Amino acid sequence: MKNTQTILTAGFIAGTLDALAAIFFYANPLNLHNISRIFRFIASGLFGRTAYNTGPFYPIAGLILHFGIATIWSAVYLIILFRVFKPGYVWAKTILLATLIWVIMNGFVLPACGFPSRHEGWAIMRSFSIILFCVSLPVCLIVEKRK
């Protein structure tokens, strides 16, 4: 029960921070249409091109998928990385988790959904930094504190 609560808390906080960072960095100019396109893009990984149809279903589905993915990464950290490595060393585990997330999402998940990885140069650093500070660090700190 405690592990489930920890995973859900870490997933919710990481998902919220990551969504806010995506909105801040990728919804320019900042308006509801551009924000909905971010979550339609996420939904399109599951639903394909129909995610860009009008209506509120696909942005909401994308937001739910976004939080689901963040929760899965929280579970991966708690179940695997937290148990494999010694307590402490939070920065090392944070960087390891962020690297794992970035490589799997950009190297496997996005290409499997039909999206080529178009990151190069500073775009790689920006996307990795968002994952590092908005997903990996909160997950690691929450799990380490609760365990």
N, C-alpha and C. Protein backbone atom coordinates (compact mmCIF):
# COMPACT_ATOMS: atom_id res chain seq x y z
N MET A 1 0.82 -1.20 0.00
CA MET A 1 0.00 0.00 0.00
C MET A 1 0.86 1.26 0.00
N LYS A 2 1.91 1.23 0.83
CA LYS A 2 2.79 2.39 0.91
C LYS A 2 3.52 2.60 -0.41
N ASN A 3 3.95 1.49 -1.06
CA ASN A 3 4.63 1.61 -2.35
C ASN A 3 3.71 2.18 -3.41
N THR A 4 2.46 1.76 -3.43
CA THR A 4 1.48 2.26 -4.40
C THR A 4 1.26 3.75 -4.20
N GLN A 5 1.11 4.16 -2.96
CA GLN A 5 0.91 5.57 -2.67
C GLN A 5 2.14 6.39 -3.06
N THR A 6 3.31 5.86 -2.81
CA THR A 6 4.55 6.55 -3.20
C THR A 6 4.65 6.68 -4.71
N ILE A 7 4.35 5.61 -5.43
CA ILE A 7 4.40 5.64 -6.89
C ILE A 7 3.39 6.65 -7.45
N LEU A 8 2.17 6.63 -6.94
CA LEU A 8 1.14 7.55 -7.43
C LEU A 8 1.48 9.01 -7.11
N THR A 9 2.01 9.26 -5.93
CA THR A 9 2.40 10.62 -5.56
C THR A 9 3.54 11.11 -6.45
N ALA A 10 4.56 10.29 -6.60
CA ALA A 10 5.70 10.68 -7.43
C ALA A 10 5.27 10.86 -8.88
N GLY A 11 4.41 9.98 -9.39
CA GLY A 11 3.92 10.10 -10.75
C GLY A 11 3.10 11.36 -10.97
N PHE A 12 2.27 11.70 -9.99
CA PHE A 12 1.45 12.91 -10.11
C PHE A 12 2.30 14.16 -10.10
N ILE A 13 3.24 14.23 -9.18
CA ILE A 13 4.09 15.43 -9.10
C ILE A 13 5.00 15.54 -10.32
N ALA A 14 5.62 14.43 -10.73
CA ALA A 14 6.48 14.46 -11.90
C ALA A 14 5.67 14.78 -13.16
N GLY A 15 4.48 14.19 -13.28
CA GLY A 15 3.63 14.47 -14.44
C GLY A 15 3.21 15.93 -14.50
N THR A 16 2.89 16.51 -13.36
CA THR A 16 2.49 17.92 -13.30
C THR A 16 3.65 18.82 -13.69
N LEU A 17 4.83 18.59 -13.10
CA LEU A 17 5.99 19.41 -13.42
C LEU A 17 6.39 19.28 -14.88
N ASP A 18 6.35 18.06 -15.41
CA ASP A 18 6.71 17.84 -16.80
C ASP A 18 5.70 18.49 -17.74
N ALA A 19 4.43 18.40 -17.42
CA ALA A 19 3.40 19.03 -18.24
C ALA A 19 3.57 20.55 -18.23
N LEU A 20 3.84 21.12 -17.07
CA LEU A 20 4.05 22.57 -16.99
C LEU A 20 5.29 22.99 -17.79
N ALA A 21 6.35 22.20 -17.72
CA ALA A 21 7.56 22.52 -18.49
C ALA A 21 7.28 22.42 -19.99
N ALA A 22 6.52 21.40 -20.41
CA ALA A 22 6.18 21.26 -21.82
C ALA A 22 5.35 22.45 -22.30
N ILE A 23 4.41 22.87 -21.48
CA ILE A 23 3.59 24.03 -21.83
C ILE A 23 4.46 25.28 -21.93
N PHE A 24 5.33 25.47 -20.96
CA PHE A 24 6.19 26.66 -20.93
C PHE A 24 7.14 26.70 -22.12
N PHE A 25 7.76 25.57 -22.45
CA PHE A 25 8.77 25.56 -23.50
C PHE A 25 8.24 25.32 -24.91
N TYR A 26 7.10 24.63 -25.04
CA TYR A 26 6.66 24.21 -26.36
C TYR A 26 5.33 24.81 -26.82
N ALA A 27 4.61 25.51 -25.97
CA ALA A 27 3.32 26.10 -26.36
C ALA A 27 3.49 27.59 -26.60
N ASN A 28 4.27 27.94 -27.60
CA ASN A 28 4.53 29.35 -27.91
C ASN A 28 3.75 29.74 -29.14
N PRO A 29 2.97 30.80 -29.16
CA PRO A 29 2.62 31.60 -28.00
C PRO A 29 1.70 30.82 -27.06
N LEU A 30 1.73 31.19 -25.82
CA LEU A 30 0.99 30.47 -24.80
C LEU A 30 -0.51 30.73 -24.96
N ASN A 31 -1.23 29.74 -25.48
CA ASN A 31 -2.69 29.84 -25.57
C ASN A 31 -3.27 28.44 -25.51
N LEU A 32 -4.56 28.36 -25.33
CA LEU A 32 -5.22 27.07 -25.13
C LEU A 32 -5.07 26.15 -26.33
N HIS A 33 -5.08 26.70 -27.53
CA HIS A 33 -4.93 25.87 -28.74
C HIS A 33 -3.55 25.19 -28.75
N ASN A 34 -2.51 25.93 -28.46
CA ASN A 34 -1.16 25.35 -28.47
C ASN A 34 -0.95 24.36 -27.32
N ILE A 35 -1.57 24.63 -26.19
CA ILE A 35 -1.48 23.69 -25.06
C ILE A 35 -2.18 22.39 -25.44
N SER A 36 -3.34 22.50 -26.07
CA SER A 36 -4.06 21.28 -26.45
C SER A 36 -3.28 20.48 -27.49
N ARG A 37 -2.51 21.15 -28.36
CA ARG A 37 -1.70 20.44 -29.36
C ARG A 37 -0.62 19.59 -28.71
N ILE A 38 -0.08 20.04 -27.59
CA ILE A 38 0.92 19.24 -26.87
C ILE A 38 0.31 17.91 -26.44
N PHE A 39 -0.88 17.96 -25.87
CA PHE A 39 -1.50 16.74 -25.38
C PHE A 39 -2.14 15.92 -26.51
N ARG A 40 -2.52 16.57 -27.60
CA ARG A 40 -2.95 15.83 -28.79
C ARG A 40 -1.78 15.04 -29.37
N PHE A 41 -0.59 15.63 -29.34
CA PHE A 41 0.61 14.94 -29.82
C PHE A 41 0.84 13.67 -29.01
N ILE A 42 0.70 13.76 -27.70
CA ILE A 42 0.86 12.58 -26.84
C ILE A 42 -0.20 11.54 -27.17
N ALA A 43 -1.44 11.98 -27.33
CA ALA A 43 -2.53 11.06 -27.66
C ALA A 43 -2.34 10.44 -29.04
N SER A 44 -1.68 11.15 -29.95
CA SER A 44 -1.50 10.62 -31.30
C SER A 44 -0.57 9.41 -31.31
N GLY A 45 0.25 9.26 -30.27
CA GLY A 45 1.07 8.06 -30.18
C GLY A 45 0.22 6.81 -30.03
N LEU A 46 -0.95 6.94 -29.44
CA LEU A 46 -1.85 5.81 -29.24
C LEU A 46 -2.97 5.78 -30.28
N PHE A 47 -3.50 6.95 -30.62
CA PHE A 47 -4.67 7.02 -31.49
C PHE A 47 -4.35 7.38 -32.94
N GLY A 48 -3.12 7.74 -33.23
CA GLY A 48 -2.74 8.11 -34.58
C GLY A 48 -3.21 9.51 -34.95
N ARG A 49 -3.39 9.74 -36.24
CA ARG A 49 -3.75 11.08 -36.75
C ARG A 49 -5.11 11.56 -36.26
N THR A 50 -5.98 10.65 -35.84
CA THR A 50 -7.30 11.08 -35.37
C THR A 50 -7.22 11.92 -34.11
N ALA A 51 -6.10 11.90 -33.42
CA ALA A 51 -5.94 12.70 -32.21
C ALA A 51 -5.96 14.19 -32.51
N TYR A 52 -5.76 14.56 -33.77
CA TYR A 52 -5.78 15.97 -34.15
C TYR A 52 -7.16 16.45 -34.57
N ASN A 53 -8.18 15.58 -34.46
CA ASN A 53 -9.55 16.00 -34.72
C ASN A 53 -10.01 16.96 -33.63
N THR A 54 -11.06 17.71 -33.93
CA THR A 54 -11.57 18.66 -32.95
C THR A 54 -12.26 17.93 -31.81
N GLY A 55 -12.45 18.64 -30.74
CA GLY A 55 -13.11 18.08 -29.57
C GLY A 55 -12.16 17.92 -28.42
N PRO A 56 -12.71 17.80 -27.23
CA PRO A 56 -11.87 17.74 -26.02
C PRO A 56 -11.35 16.35 -25.67
N PHE A 57 -11.83 15.30 -26.34
CA PHE A 57 -11.45 13.95 -25.92
C PHE A 57 -9.95 13.71 -26.02
N TYR A 58 -9.34 14.04 -27.15
CA TYR A 58 -7.95 13.69 -27.38
C TYR A 58 -6.96 14.47 -26.50
N PRO A 59 -7.16 15.77 -26.27
CA PRO A 59 -6.25 16.43 -25.33
C PRO A 59 -6.36 15.86 -23.91
N ILE A 60 -7.57 15.51 -23.51
CA ILE A 60 -7.75 14.91 -22.18
C ILE A 60 -7.12 13.53 -22.14
N ALA A 61 -7.29 12.76 -23.20
CA ALA A 61 -6.65 11.43 -23.27
C ALA A 61 -5.14 11.57 -23.25
N GLY A 62 -4.60 12.57 -23.95
CA GLY A 62 -3.16 12.82 -23.93
C GLY A 62 -2.66 13.19 -22.56
N LEU A 63 -3.43 13.99 -21.84
CA LEU A 63 -3.05 14.36 -20.47
C LEU A 63 -3.06 13.14 -19.55
N ILE A 64 -4.07 12.30 -19.69
CA ILE A 64 -4.13 11.07 -18.89
C ILE A 64 -2.97 10.15 -19.24
N LEU A 65 -2.66 10.01 -20.52
CA LEU A 65 -1.51 9.20 -20.94
C LEU A 65 -0.21 9.77 -20.38
N HIS A 66 -0.11 11.10 -20.39
CA HIS A 66 1.08 11.76 -19.86
C HIS A 66 1.29 11.40 -18.39
N PHE A 67 0.24 11.50 -17.59
CA PHE A 67 0.35 11.14 -16.18
C PHE A 67 0.59 9.64 -16.00
N GLY A 68 0.01 8.83 -16.87
CA GLY A 68 0.26 7.39 -16.82
C GLY A 68 1.72 7.06 -17.07
N ILE A 69 2.31 7.72 -18.05
CA ILE A 69 3.72 7.49 -18.35
C ILE A 69 4.60 7.92 -17.19
N ALA A 70 4.31 9.07 -16.60
CA ALA A 70 5.08 9.54 -15.44
C ALA A 70 4.95 8.56 -14.27
N THR A 71 3.78 7.99 -14.09
CA THR A 71 3.57 7.02 -13.02
C THR A 71 4.33 5.72 -13.31
N ILE A 72 4.38 5.32 -14.55
CA ILE A 72 5.15 4.12 -14.92
C ILE A 72 6.62 4.34 -14.61
N TRP A 73 7.16 5.51 -14.95
CA TRP A 73 8.57 5.78 -14.65
C TRP A 73 8.82 5.83 -13.14
N SER A 74 7.85 6.30 -12.38
CA SER A 74 7.98 6.28 -10.91
C SER A 74 8.05 4.84 -10.41
N ALA A 75 7.22 3.98 -10.99
CA ALA A 75 7.23 2.57 -10.60
C ALA A 75 8.55 1.91 -10.99
N VAL A 76 9.07 2.24 -12.17
CA VAL A 76 10.36 1.69 -12.60
C VAL A 76 11.45 2.07 -11.61
N TYR A 77 11.44 3.32 -11.18
CA TYR A 77 12.45 3.74 -10.22
C TYR A 77 12.31 2.98 -8.90
N LEU A 78 11.10 2.93 -8.37
CA LEU A 78 10.90 2.28 -7.07
C LEU A 78 11.18 0.79 -7.14
N ILE A 79 10.71 0.13 -8.16
CA ILE A 79 10.83 -1.33 -8.24
C ILE A 79 12.23 -1.78 -8.63
N ILE A 80 12.89 -1.02 -9.51
CA ILE A 80 14.19 -1.48 -10.02
C ILE A 80 15.35 -0.67 -9.46
N LEU A 81 15.43 0.60 -9.81
CA LEU A 81 16.62 1.38 -9.47
C LEU A 81 16.80 1.57 -7.97
N PHE A 82 15.72 1.81 -7.26
CA PHE A 82 15.82 2.02 -5.82
C PHE A 82 16.35 0.78 -5.12
N ARG A 83 15.96 -0.38 -5.60
CA ARG A 83 16.37 -1.63 -4.96
C ARG A 83 17.75 -2.10 -5.40
N VAL A 84 18.16 -1.74 -6.62
CA VAL A 84 19.43 -2.20 -7.14
C VAL A 84 20.60 -1.41 -6.55
N PHE A 85 20.40 -0.11 -6.36
CA PHE A 85 21.47 0.74 -5.88
C PHE A 85 21.30 1.06 -4.40
N LYS A 86 22.41 1.37 -3.74
CA LYS A 86 22.40 1.67 -2.32
C LYS A 86 21.57 2.92 -2.03
N PRO A 87 21.04 3.00 -0.80
CA PRO A 87 20.36 4.23 -0.41
C PRO A 87 21.34 5.40 -0.48
N GLY A 88 20.81 6.55 -0.74
CA GLY A 88 21.67 7.71 -0.94
C GLY A 88 22.02 7.82 -2.41
N TYR A 89 23.08 8.50 -2.70
CA TYR A 89 23.53 8.69 -4.08
C TYR A 89 22.38 9.18 -4.97
N VAL A 90 21.58 10.10 -4.45
CA VAL A 90 20.38 10.55 -5.15
C VAL A 90 20.72 11.17 -6.50
N TRP A 91 21.77 11.97 -6.57
CA TRP A 91 22.10 12.60 -7.85
C TRP A 91 22.51 11.57 -8.89
N ALA A 92 23.25 10.58 -8.47
CA ALA A 92 23.66 9.54 -9.43
C ALA A 92 22.43 8.80 -9.96
N LYS A 93 21.51 8.44 -9.06
CA LYS A 93 20.29 7.75 -9.48
C LYS A 93 19.38 8.66 -10.31
N THR A 94 19.37 9.95 -9.98
CA THR A 94 18.57 10.91 -10.74
C THR A 94 19.06 11.01 -12.18
N ILE A 95 20.37 11.12 -12.34
CA ILE A 95 20.95 11.21 -13.68
C ILE A 95 20.74 9.90 -14.43
N LEU A 96 20.89 8.78 -13.75
CA LEU A 96 20.68 7.48 -14.38
C LEU A 96 19.23 7.33 -14.84
N LEU A 97 18.27 7.68 -13.99
CA LEU A 97 16.86 7.59 -14.37
C LEU A 97 16.54 8.52 -15.53
N ALA A 98 17.03 9.76 -15.48
CA ALA A 98 16.78 10.71 -16.57
C ALA A 98 17.35 10.20 -17.88
N THR A 99 18.53 9.63 -17.84
CA THR A 99 19.16 9.08 -19.05
C THR A 99 18.33 7.91 -19.58
N LEU A 100 17.90 7.04 -18.69
CA LEU A 100 17.08 5.89 -19.08
C LEU A 100 15.78 6.36 -19.73
N ILE A 101 15.11 7.33 -19.12
CA ILE A 101 13.86 7.86 -19.66
C ILE A 101 14.10 8.47 -21.04
N TRP A 102 15.12 9.32 -21.16
CA TRP A 102 15.36 10.02 -22.42
C TRP A 102 15.68 9.02 -23.54
N VAL A 103 16.54 8.06 -23.26
CA VAL A 103 16.94 7.09 -24.29
C VAL A 103 15.75 6.24 -24.71
N ILE A 104 14.99 5.74 -23.76
CA ILE A 104 13.86 4.87 -24.12
C ILE A 104 12.77 5.66 -24.84
N MET A 105 12.44 6.84 -24.34
CA MET A 105 11.37 7.62 -24.98
C MET A 105 11.78 8.11 -26.37
N ASN A 106 12.99 8.63 -26.51
CA ASN A 106 13.42 9.20 -27.78
C ASN A 106 14.01 8.16 -28.73
N GLY A 107 14.53 7.09 -28.19
CA GLY A 107 15.15 6.08 -29.03
C GLY A 107 14.22 4.95 -29.43
N PHE A 108 13.19 4.70 -28.63
CA PHE A 108 12.32 3.56 -28.90
C PHE A 108 10.84 3.94 -29.01
N VAL A 109 10.31 4.64 -28.00
CA VAL A 109 8.86 4.91 -27.96
C VAL A 109 8.44 5.84 -29.10
N LEU A 110 9.09 6.99 -29.22
CA LEU A 110 8.70 7.92 -30.28
C LEU A 110 8.86 7.31 -31.68
N PRO A 111 10.00 6.66 -31.99
CA PRO A 111 10.08 6.02 -33.31
C PRO A 111 9.04 4.92 -33.51
N ALA A 112 8.72 4.17 -32.45
CA ALA A 112 7.71 3.12 -32.58
C ALA A 112 6.33 3.70 -32.86
N CYS A 113 6.09 4.93 -32.41
CA CYS A 113 4.81 5.60 -32.66
C CYS A 113 4.83 6.37 -33.98
N GLY A 114 5.94 6.28 -34.71
CA GLY A 114 6.01 6.94 -36.01
C GLY A 114 6.58 8.33 -35.99
N PHE A 115 7.18 8.73 -34.87
CA PHE A 115 7.76 10.07 -34.76
C PHE A 115 9.28 9.95 -34.75
N PRO A 116 9.94 10.43 -35.79
CA PRO A 116 11.40 10.37 -35.78
C PRO A 116 11.95 11.34 -34.74
N SER A 117 13.04 10.97 -34.12
CA SER A 117 13.67 11.84 -33.15
C SER A 117 14.35 12.98 -33.90
N ARG A 118 13.86 14.18 -33.67
CA ARG A 118 14.41 15.35 -34.36
C ARG A 118 15.25 16.21 -33.43
N HIS A 119 15.70 15.65 -32.35
CA HIS A 119 16.50 16.42 -31.41
C HIS A 119 17.93 16.51 -31.91
N GLU A 120 18.46 17.69 -31.82
CA GLU A 120 19.88 17.88 -32.12
C GLU A 120 20.37 19.09 -31.34
N GLY A 121 21.62 19.08 -30.98
CA GLY A 121 22.24 20.22 -30.31
C GLY A 121 21.56 20.60 -29.00
N TRP A 122 21.18 21.87 -28.92
CA TRP A 122 20.59 22.39 -27.68
C TRP A 122 19.22 21.79 -27.39
N ALA A 123 18.52 21.33 -28.42
CA ALA A 123 17.21 20.70 -28.19
C ALA A 123 17.36 19.44 -27.35
N ILE A 124 18.45 18.72 -27.54
CA ILE A 124 18.71 17.53 -26.72
C ILE A 124 18.92 17.95 -25.27
N MET A 125 19.73 18.99 -25.08
CA MET A 125 19.99 19.46 -23.72
C MET A 125 18.72 19.97 -23.04
N ARG A 126 17.88 20.67 -23.80
CA ARG A 126 16.64 21.19 -23.22
C ARG A 126 15.71 20.04 -22.82
N SER A 127 15.52 19.07 -23.72
CA SER A 127 14.61 17.96 -23.40
C SER A 127 15.17 17.11 -22.27
N PHE A 128 16.49 16.88 -22.26
CA PHE A 128 17.08 16.11 -21.17
C PHE A 128 16.98 16.86 -19.85
N SER A 129 17.18 18.17 -19.88
CA SER A 129 17.09 18.97 -18.64
C SER A 129 15.68 18.95 -18.07
N ILE A 130 14.68 19.00 -18.94
CA ILE A 130 13.29 18.93 -18.48
C ILE A 130 13.05 17.59 -17.80
N ILE A 131 13.50 16.51 -18.42
CA ILE A 131 13.32 15.19 -17.82
C ILE A 131 14.09 15.09 -16.50
N LEU A 132 15.31 15.62 -16.49
CA LEU A 132 16.15 15.54 -15.29
C LEU A 132 15.52 16.26 -14.11
N PHE A 133 15.11 17.52 -14.31
CA PHE A 133 14.64 18.34 -13.19
C PHE A 133 13.15 18.21 -12.91
N CYS A 134 12.34 17.90 -13.92
CA CYS A 134 10.89 17.85 -13.72
C CYS A 134 10.34 16.45 -13.52
N VAL A 135 11.09 15.43 -13.91
CA VAL A 135 10.60 14.06 -13.75
C VAL A 135 11.52 13.27 -12.82
N SER A 136 12.76 13.12 -13.21
CA SER A 136 13.68 12.25 -12.49
C SER A 136 13.96 12.73 -11.07
N LEU A 137 14.30 14.00 -10.91
CA LEU A 137 14.63 14.51 -9.57
C LEU A 137 13.46 14.41 -8.60
N PRO A 138 12.24 14.85 -8.97
CA PRO A 138 11.13 14.69 -8.02
C PRO A 138 10.85 13.23 -7.68
N VAL A 139 10.89 12.36 -8.69
CA VAL A 139 10.64 10.94 -8.42
C VAL A 139 11.67 10.39 -7.44
N CYS A 140 12.93 10.66 -7.69
CA CYS A 140 13.99 10.15 -6.81
C CYS A 140 13.87 10.71 -5.39
N LEU A 141 13.61 11.99 -5.28
CA LEU A 141 13.51 12.59 -3.94
C LEU A 141 12.29 12.05 -3.17
N ILE A 142 11.16 11.91 -3.85
CA ILE A 142 9.97 11.41 -3.18
C ILE A 142 10.15 9.97 -2.73
N VAL A 143 10.68 9.13 -3.60
CA VAL A 143 10.87 7.73 -3.23
C VAL A 143 11.91 7.60 -2.13
N GLU A 144 13.02 8.32 -2.24
CA GLU A 144 14.07 8.24 -1.21
C GLU A 144 13.54 8.72 0.13
N LYS A 145 12.73 9.76 0.13
CA LYS A 145 12.20 10.30 1.40
C LYS A 145 11.21 9.36 2.05
N ARG A 146 10.39 8.72 1.24
CA ARG A 146 9.35 7.83 1.79
C ARG A 146 9.88 6.47 2.17
N LYS A 147 11.05 6.08 1.68
CA LYS A 147 11.59 4.76 1.99
C LYS A 147 12.51 4.92 3.14
